[in-house]
Amino acid sequence: MLYLVQHGLLDLPVLYLSRYIVRNKPAYLSHFRADQLDDNWEAWLKFMLRGVELTSTETIITIHRLRDLMADYMERIKAELPKIYSLDLLNTLFKHPYIKIEFVTRDVVVQREAAVRYLDALTTEGFF
C-alpha cells in the first residue's frame, strides 16, 4: 500500500487488506505455505493482487457512498437547520466514526452549550 501512495496511485493508504486475508484465511494460509515450501511465489502474488483489486473496489464504493451521504447531509442541514450549518460542522460529523460534544467544540470552535444545541438539533431532525 505504501508503494501505491508513494507512486501517486492513492492519496492515502485507505485499503483494508487484512479484511480480505481474514475472509480468505484458508486460501491465504495455503498460498503462504506453498510460497515457503515450494517457492510458489507467483500464486502467492496473484492471490495478494486479487486482494488488492477486490479491496480497492470495495473501498471506492464505500468512499462514493460516504461522499454521497456527506452531500446529502450538507443539503439537508442547510435546508432544515440553516442557523447551525457550517462546513466545519459537516466535516466534523464525517471525520469520526462517532460524534462527541468535545469534537464539535474543538473542530467547529464553539462553546460547549452551542455544541450541545447543534447535536440536539441534528438528533431531533433525524441525522443520528
N, C-alpha and C. Protein backbone atom coordinates (compact mmCIF):
# COMPACT_ATOMS: atom_id res chain seq x y z
N MET A 1 0.81 -1.17 0.00
CA MET A 1 0.00 0.00 0.00
C MET A 1 0.87 1.25 0.00
N LEU A 2 1.94 1.22 0.76
CA LEU A 2 2.85 2.35 0.79
C LEU A 2 3.36 2.64 -0.62
N TYR A 3 3.61 1.59 -1.38
CA TYR A 3 4.05 1.76 -2.77
C TYR A 3 3.01 2.55 -3.56
N LEU A 4 1.74 2.22 -3.40
CA LEU A 4 0.67 2.90 -4.13
C LEU A 4 0.60 4.38 -3.76
N VAL A 5 0.81 4.69 -2.49
CA VAL A 5 0.80 6.08 -2.05
C VAL A 5 2.02 6.81 -2.60
N GLN A 6 3.20 6.17 -2.50
CA GLN A 6 4.44 6.79 -2.96
C GLN A 6 4.43 7.07 -4.46
N HIS A 7 3.73 6.24 -5.21
CA HIS A 7 3.69 6.41 -6.66
C HIS A 7 2.44 7.14 -7.16
N GLY A 8 1.75 7.78 -6.24
CA GLY A 8 0.62 8.63 -6.63
C GLY A 8 -0.63 7.88 -7.05
N LEU A 9 -0.70 6.59 -6.77
CA LEU A 9 -1.87 5.81 -7.15
C LEU A 9 -2.97 5.89 -6.08
N LEU A 10 -2.59 6.27 -4.88
CA LEU A 10 -3.52 6.52 -3.78
C LEU A 10 -3.06 7.76 -3.05
N ASP A 11 -4.02 8.60 -2.65
CA ASP A 11 -3.66 9.77 -1.85
C ASP A 11 -3.33 9.36 -0.42
N LEU A 12 -4.11 8.45 0.10
CA LEU A 12 -3.94 7.97 1.47
C LEU A 12 -4.05 6.46 1.48
N PRO A 13 -3.39 5.82 2.40
CA PRO A 13 -3.50 4.35 2.48
C PRO A 13 -4.82 3.95 3.11
N VAL A 14 -5.86 3.79 2.29
CA VAL A 14 -7.19 3.50 2.81
C VAL A 14 -7.64 2.06 2.55
N LEU A 15 -6.78 1.24 1.99
CA LEU A 15 -7.16 -0.14 1.73
C LEU A 15 -7.06 -0.96 3.01
N TYR A 16 -8.08 -1.71 3.27
CA TYR A 16 -8.12 -2.57 4.46
C TYR A 16 -7.92 -4.01 3.99
N LEU A 17 -6.70 -4.32 3.61
CA LEU A 17 -6.37 -5.62 3.02
C LEU A 17 -6.50 -6.76 4.03
N SER A 18 -6.37 -6.45 5.32
CA SER A 18 -6.49 -7.52 6.31
C SER A 18 -7.87 -8.17 6.27
N ARG A 19 -8.91 -7.40 5.92
CA ARG A 19 -10.25 -7.99 5.83
C ARG A 19 -10.26 -9.08 4.76
N TYR A 20 -9.64 -8.84 3.63
CA TYR A 20 -9.55 -9.83 2.56
C TYR A 20 -8.82 -11.09 3.06
N ILE A 21 -7.74 -10.87 3.78
CA ILE A 21 -6.96 -12.01 4.28
C ILE A 21 -7.77 -12.81 5.29
N VAL A 22 -8.47 -12.13 6.19
CA VAL A 22 -9.29 -12.83 7.19
C VAL A 22 -10.43 -13.58 6.52
N ARG A 23 -11.08 -12.94 5.54
CA ARG A 23 -12.19 -13.59 4.83
C ARG A 23 -11.74 -14.82 4.06
N ASN A 24 -10.50 -14.82 3.63
CA ASN A 24 -9.97 -15.90 2.81
C ASN A 24 -8.81 -16.61 3.51
N LYS A 25 -8.96 -16.81 4.79
CA LYS A 25 -7.86 -17.34 5.60
C LYS A 25 -7.34 -18.70 5.12
N PRO A 26 -8.20 -19.68 4.78
CA PRO A 26 -7.65 -20.95 4.29
C PRO A 26 -6.80 -20.79 3.02
N ALA A 27 -7.29 -19.99 2.08
CA ALA A 27 -6.52 -19.77 0.85
C ALA A 27 -5.23 -19.00 1.15
N TYR A 28 -5.32 -18.03 2.05
CA TYR A 28 -4.15 -17.26 2.45
C TYR A 28 -3.08 -18.19 3.02
N LEU A 29 -3.48 -19.05 3.97
CA LEU A 29 -2.52 -19.96 4.58
C LEU A 29 -1.96 -20.95 3.57
N SER A 30 -2.80 -21.42 2.68
CA SER A 30 -2.36 -22.35 1.64
C SER A 30 -1.32 -21.70 0.73
N HIS A 31 -1.60 -20.51 0.27
CA HIS A 31 -0.65 -19.79 -0.60
C HIS A 31 0.63 -19.44 0.15
N PHE A 32 0.47 -19.07 1.40
CA PHE A 32 1.64 -18.71 2.20
C PHE A 32 2.57 -19.92 2.38
N ARG A 33 1.98 -21.08 2.68
CA ARG A 33 2.78 -22.29 2.85
C ARG A 33 3.41 -22.72 1.53
N ALA A 34 2.63 -22.64 0.45
CA ALA A 34 3.15 -23.05 -0.85
C ALA A 34 4.33 -22.16 -1.25
N ASP A 35 4.24 -20.90 -0.93
CA ASP A 35 5.33 -19.98 -1.24
C ASP A 35 6.58 -20.37 -0.47
N GLN A 36 6.42 -20.72 0.78
CA GLN A 36 7.57 -21.07 1.61
C GLN A 36 8.14 -22.45 1.26
N LEU A 37 7.27 -23.41 1.03
CA LEU A 37 7.72 -24.78 0.80
C LEU A 37 8.14 -25.04 -0.65
N ASP A 38 7.35 -24.56 -1.59
CA ASP A 38 7.58 -24.89 -2.99
C ASP A 38 8.14 -23.72 -3.80
N ASP A 39 8.41 -22.62 -3.12
CA ASP A 39 8.87 -21.41 -3.80
C ASP A 39 7.86 -20.99 -4.87
N ASN A 40 6.57 -21.14 -4.54
CA ASN A 40 5.50 -20.80 -5.46
C ASN A 40 5.04 -19.36 -5.22
N TRP A 41 5.92 -18.43 -5.45
CA TRP A 41 5.63 -17.04 -5.18
C TRP A 41 4.63 -16.45 -6.16
N GLU A 42 4.52 -17.02 -7.36
CA GLU A 42 3.61 -16.47 -8.36
C GLU A 42 2.15 -16.62 -7.91
N ALA A 43 1.79 -17.78 -7.38
CA ALA A 43 0.42 -17.98 -6.88
C ALA A 43 0.15 -17.05 -5.70
N TRP A 44 1.14 -16.91 -4.84
CA TRP A 44 1.02 -16.00 -3.70
C TRP A 44 0.79 -14.57 -4.17
N LEU A 45 1.58 -14.15 -5.14
CA LEU A 45 1.46 -12.80 -5.67
C LEU A 45 0.09 -12.59 -6.32
N LYS A 46 -0.39 -13.56 -7.09
CA LYS A 46 -1.72 -13.44 -7.71
C LYS A 46 -2.82 -13.34 -6.65
N PHE A 47 -2.69 -14.15 -5.61
CA PHE A 47 -3.66 -14.11 -4.52
C PHE A 47 -3.69 -12.72 -3.88
N MET A 48 -2.53 -12.17 -3.59
CA MET A 48 -2.45 -10.86 -2.94
C MET A 48 -2.92 -9.74 -3.87
N LEU A 49 -2.57 -9.84 -5.15
CA LEU A 49 -3.03 -8.83 -6.10
C LEU A 49 -4.55 -8.86 -6.26
N ARG A 50 -5.12 -10.06 -6.21
CA ARG A 50 -6.58 -10.18 -6.25
C ARG A 50 -7.17 -9.50 -5.02
N GLY A 51 -6.51 -9.64 -3.89
CA GLY A 51 -6.96 -8.98 -2.67
C GLY A 51 -6.92 -7.46 -2.80
N VAL A 52 -5.86 -6.95 -3.40
CA VAL A 52 -5.76 -5.50 -3.61
C VAL A 52 -6.87 -5.04 -4.55
N GLU A 53 -7.12 -5.82 -5.60
CA GLU A 53 -8.18 -5.46 -6.55
C GLU A 53 -9.55 -5.42 -5.88
N LEU A 54 -9.91 -6.48 -5.15
CA LEU A 54 -11.21 -6.55 -4.51
C LEU A 54 -11.36 -5.49 -3.42
N THR A 55 -10.31 -5.33 -2.63
CA THR A 55 -10.35 -4.34 -1.56
C THR A 55 -10.45 -2.93 -2.13
N SER A 56 -9.75 -2.68 -3.21
CA SER A 56 -9.81 -1.36 -3.85
C SER A 56 -11.22 -1.06 -4.34
N THR A 57 -11.84 -2.04 -4.97
CA THR A 57 -13.20 -1.87 -5.47
C THR A 57 -14.16 -1.59 -4.31
N GLU A 58 -14.07 -2.37 -3.24
CA GLU A 58 -14.92 -2.14 -2.07
C GLU A 58 -14.68 -0.76 -1.47
N THR A 59 -13.41 -0.37 -1.42
CA THR A 59 -13.06 0.93 -0.83
C THR A 59 -13.62 2.07 -1.67
N ILE A 60 -13.51 1.97 -2.98
CA ILE A 60 -14.04 3.01 -3.87
C ILE A 60 -15.56 3.14 -3.69
N ILE A 61 -16.24 2.01 -3.60
CA ILE A 61 -17.69 2.04 -3.39
C ILE A 61 -18.02 2.71 -2.06
N THR A 62 -17.29 2.36 -1.02
CA THR A 62 -17.52 2.96 0.30
C THR A 62 -17.26 4.46 0.28
N ILE A 63 -16.19 4.87 -0.37
CA ILE A 63 -15.86 6.30 -0.45
C ILE A 63 -16.95 7.05 -1.21
N HIS A 64 -17.45 6.49 -2.29
CA HIS A 64 -18.53 7.13 -3.05
C HIS A 64 -19.81 7.23 -2.21
N ARG A 65 -20.11 6.19 -1.46
CA ARG A 65 -21.30 6.24 -0.59
C ARG A 65 -21.14 7.30 0.48
N LEU A 66 -19.96 7.39 1.08
CA LEU A 66 -19.72 8.42 2.08
C LEU A 66 -19.80 9.82 1.48
N ARG A 67 -19.23 9.98 0.30
CA ARG A 67 -19.29 11.28 -0.38
C ARG A 67 -20.74 11.68 -0.66
N ASP A 68 -21.54 10.71 -1.13
CA ASP A 68 -22.95 10.99 -1.42
C ASP A 68 -23.72 11.31 -0.14
N LEU A 69 -23.44 10.56 0.92
CA LEU A 69 -24.10 10.81 2.20
C LEU A 69 -23.72 12.19 2.74
N MET A 70 -22.46 12.54 2.59
CA MET A 70 -22.00 13.84 3.06
C MET A 70 -22.69 14.97 2.28
N ALA A 71 -22.82 14.80 0.98
CA ALA A 71 -23.51 15.80 0.15
C ALA A 71 -24.98 15.90 0.56
N ASP A 72 -25.60 14.75 0.84
CA ASP A 72 -26.99 14.75 1.28
C ASP A 72 -27.13 15.47 2.62
N TYR A 73 -26.24 15.16 3.56
CA TYR A 73 -26.27 15.84 4.86
C TYR A 73 -26.08 17.34 4.68
N MET A 74 -25.17 17.74 3.82
CA MET A 74 -24.92 19.16 3.61
C MET A 74 -26.20 19.86 3.16
N GLU A 75 -26.87 19.30 2.16
CA GLU A 75 -28.10 19.91 1.65
C GLU A 75 -29.21 19.89 2.70
N ARG A 76 -29.34 18.79 3.42
CA ARG A 76 -30.39 18.69 4.44
C ARG A 76 -30.15 19.66 5.59
N ILE A 77 -28.91 19.74 6.05
CA ILE A 77 -28.62 20.65 7.17
C ILE A 77 -28.84 22.09 6.74
N LYS A 78 -28.39 22.43 5.53
CA LYS A 78 -28.60 23.79 5.02
C LYS A 78 -30.10 24.12 4.96
N ALA A 79 -30.91 23.15 4.53
CA ALA A 79 -32.35 23.39 4.38
C ALA A 79 -33.09 23.34 5.72
N GLU A 80 -32.75 22.37 6.56
CA GLU A 80 -33.52 22.14 7.78
C GLU A 80 -32.97 22.87 9.00
N LEU A 81 -31.67 23.11 9.00
CA LEU A 81 -31.03 23.76 10.16
C LEU A 81 -30.02 24.81 9.69
N PRO A 82 -30.47 25.78 8.93
CA PRO A 82 -29.51 26.73 8.35
C PRO A 82 -28.73 27.54 9.39
N LYS A 83 -29.30 27.72 10.57
CA LYS A 83 -28.61 28.52 11.59
C LYS A 83 -27.38 27.81 12.16
N ILE A 84 -27.35 26.48 12.08
CA ILE A 84 -26.19 25.78 12.64
C ILE A 84 -25.25 25.26 11.56
N TYR A 85 -25.67 25.35 10.29
CA TYR A 85 -24.83 24.77 9.23
C TYR A 85 -23.49 25.49 9.14
N SER A 86 -22.45 24.69 9.03
CA SER A 86 -21.13 25.19 8.66
C SER A 86 -20.36 24.01 8.07
N LEU A 87 -19.44 24.32 7.22
CA LEU A 87 -18.62 23.27 6.63
C LEU A 87 -17.80 22.57 7.71
N ASP A 88 -17.36 23.31 8.71
CA ASP A 88 -16.61 22.70 9.82
C ASP A 88 -17.47 21.68 10.56
N LEU A 89 -18.73 22.00 10.78
CA LEU A 89 -19.62 21.06 11.45
C LEU A 89 -19.82 19.81 10.59
N LEU A 90 -20.08 20.01 9.32
CA LEU A 90 -20.27 18.88 8.41
C LEU A 90 -19.03 17.99 8.39
N ASN A 91 -17.87 18.58 8.26
CA ASN A 91 -16.63 17.80 8.24
C ASN A 91 -16.42 17.05 9.55
N THR A 92 -16.78 17.67 10.66
CA THR A 92 -16.63 17.01 11.96
C THR A 92 -17.53 15.79 12.06
N LEU A 93 -18.74 15.89 11.53
CA LEU A 93 -19.67 14.76 11.56
C LEU A 93 -19.12 13.55 10.82
N PHE A 94 -18.33 13.81 9.77
CA PHE A 94 -17.81 12.71 8.95
C PHE A 94 -16.36 12.37 9.25
N LYS A 95 -15.75 13.09 10.14
CA LYS A 95 -14.34 12.88 10.46
C LYS A 95 -14.15 11.71 11.42
N HIS A 96 -15.13 11.47 12.26
CA HIS A 96 -15.03 10.47 13.31
C HIS A 96 -16.09 9.38 13.11
N PRO A 97 -15.81 8.17 13.57
CA PRO A 97 -16.83 7.12 13.44
C PRO A 97 -18.02 7.34 14.38
N TYR A 98 -17.85 8.21 15.34
CA TYR A 98 -18.94 8.61 16.24
C TYR A 98 -18.70 10.07 16.58
N ILE A 99 -19.71 10.73 17.13
CA ILE A 99 -19.57 12.16 17.40
C ILE A 99 -19.69 12.42 18.90
N LYS A 100 -18.90 13.35 19.38
CA LYS A 100 -18.92 13.77 20.79
C LYS A 100 -18.98 15.28 20.84
N ILE A 101 -19.51 15.78 21.92
CA ILE A 101 -19.58 17.23 22.12
C ILE A 101 -18.19 17.84 21.99
N GLU A 102 -17.20 17.16 22.55
CA GLU A 102 -15.83 17.68 22.53
C GLU A 102 -15.31 17.85 21.10
N PHE A 103 -15.68 16.95 20.20
CA PHE A 103 -15.25 17.08 18.81
C PHE A 103 -15.83 18.35 18.20
N VAL A 104 -17.09 18.60 18.48
CA VAL A 104 -17.76 19.78 17.91
C VAL A 104 -17.16 21.05 18.48
N THR A 105 -16.95 21.09 19.80
CA THR A 105 -16.38 22.31 20.39
C THR A 105 -14.99 22.59 19.83
N ARG A 106 -14.20 21.56 19.66
CA ARG A 106 -12.83 21.73 19.16
C ARG A 106 -12.81 22.06 17.67
N ASP A 107 -13.51 21.27 16.87
CA ASP A 107 -13.39 21.40 15.41
C ASP A 107 -14.22 22.54 14.83
N VAL A 108 -15.35 22.84 15.44
CA VAL A 108 -16.22 23.90 14.94
C VAL A 108 -15.92 25.22 15.65
N VAL A 109 -15.16 25.12 16.73
CA VAL A 109 -14.76 26.27 17.55
C VAL A 109 -15.99 27.00 18.07
N VAL A 110 -16.76 26.26 18.88
CA VAL A 110 -17.93 26.83 19.55
C VAL A 110 -17.86 26.43 21.02
N GLN A 111 -18.64 27.12 21.81
CA GLN A 111 -18.75 26.79 23.23
C GLN A 111 -19.51 25.48 23.39
N ARG A 112 -19.31 24.86 24.54
CA ARG A 112 -19.96 23.58 24.83
C ARG A 112 -21.48 23.66 24.66
N GLU A 113 -22.09 24.74 25.14
CA GLU A 113 -23.55 24.90 25.06
C GLU A 113 -24.01 24.89 23.60
N ALA A 114 -23.26 25.55 22.74
CA ALA A 114 -23.61 25.59 21.31
C ALA A 114 -23.45 24.20 20.70
N ALA A 115 -22.39 23.50 21.07
CA ALA A 115 -22.17 22.15 20.55
C ALA A 115 -23.32 21.23 20.95
N VAL A 116 -23.75 21.33 22.20
CA VAL A 116 -24.88 20.53 22.67
C VAL A 116 -26.13 20.87 21.87
N ARG A 117 -26.37 22.15 21.66
CA ARG A 117 -27.53 22.61 20.88
C ARG A 117 -27.48 22.07 19.46
N TYR A 118 -26.29 22.11 18.83
CA TYR A 118 -26.13 21.61 17.46
C TYR A 118 -26.46 20.11 17.40
N LEU A 119 -25.89 19.36 18.32
CA LEU A 119 -26.10 17.91 18.29
C LEU A 119 -27.54 17.55 18.64
N ASP A 120 -28.15 18.30 19.54
CA ASP A 120 -29.57 18.07 19.84
C ASP A 120 -30.43 18.35 18.61
N ALA A 121 -30.15 19.43 17.91
CA ALA A 121 -30.92 19.78 16.72
C ALA A 121 -30.75 18.72 15.63
N LEU A 122 -29.53 18.26 15.45
CA LEU A 122 -29.27 17.21 14.45
C LEU A 122 -29.99 15.91 14.82
N THR A 123 -30.02 15.60 16.10
CA THR A 123 -30.71 14.39 16.56
C THR A 123 -32.21 14.53 16.35
N THR A 124 -32.76 15.68 16.73
CA THR A 124 -34.20 15.94 16.57
C THR A 124 -34.62 15.82 15.10
N GLU A 125 -33.77 16.28 14.21
CA GLU A 125 -34.09 16.23 12.77
C GLU A 125 -33.78 14.88 12.13
N GLY A 126 -33.32 13.93 12.93
CA GLY A 126 -33.12 12.58 12.42
C GLY A 126 -31.79 12.31 11.73
N PHE A 127 -30.80 13.13 11.97
CA PHE A 127 -29.49 12.88 11.37
C PHE A 127 -28.73 11.75 12.05
N PHE A 128 -29.07 11.51 13.31
CA PHE A 128 -28.42 10.41 14.06
C PHE A 128 -29.47 9.40 14.44
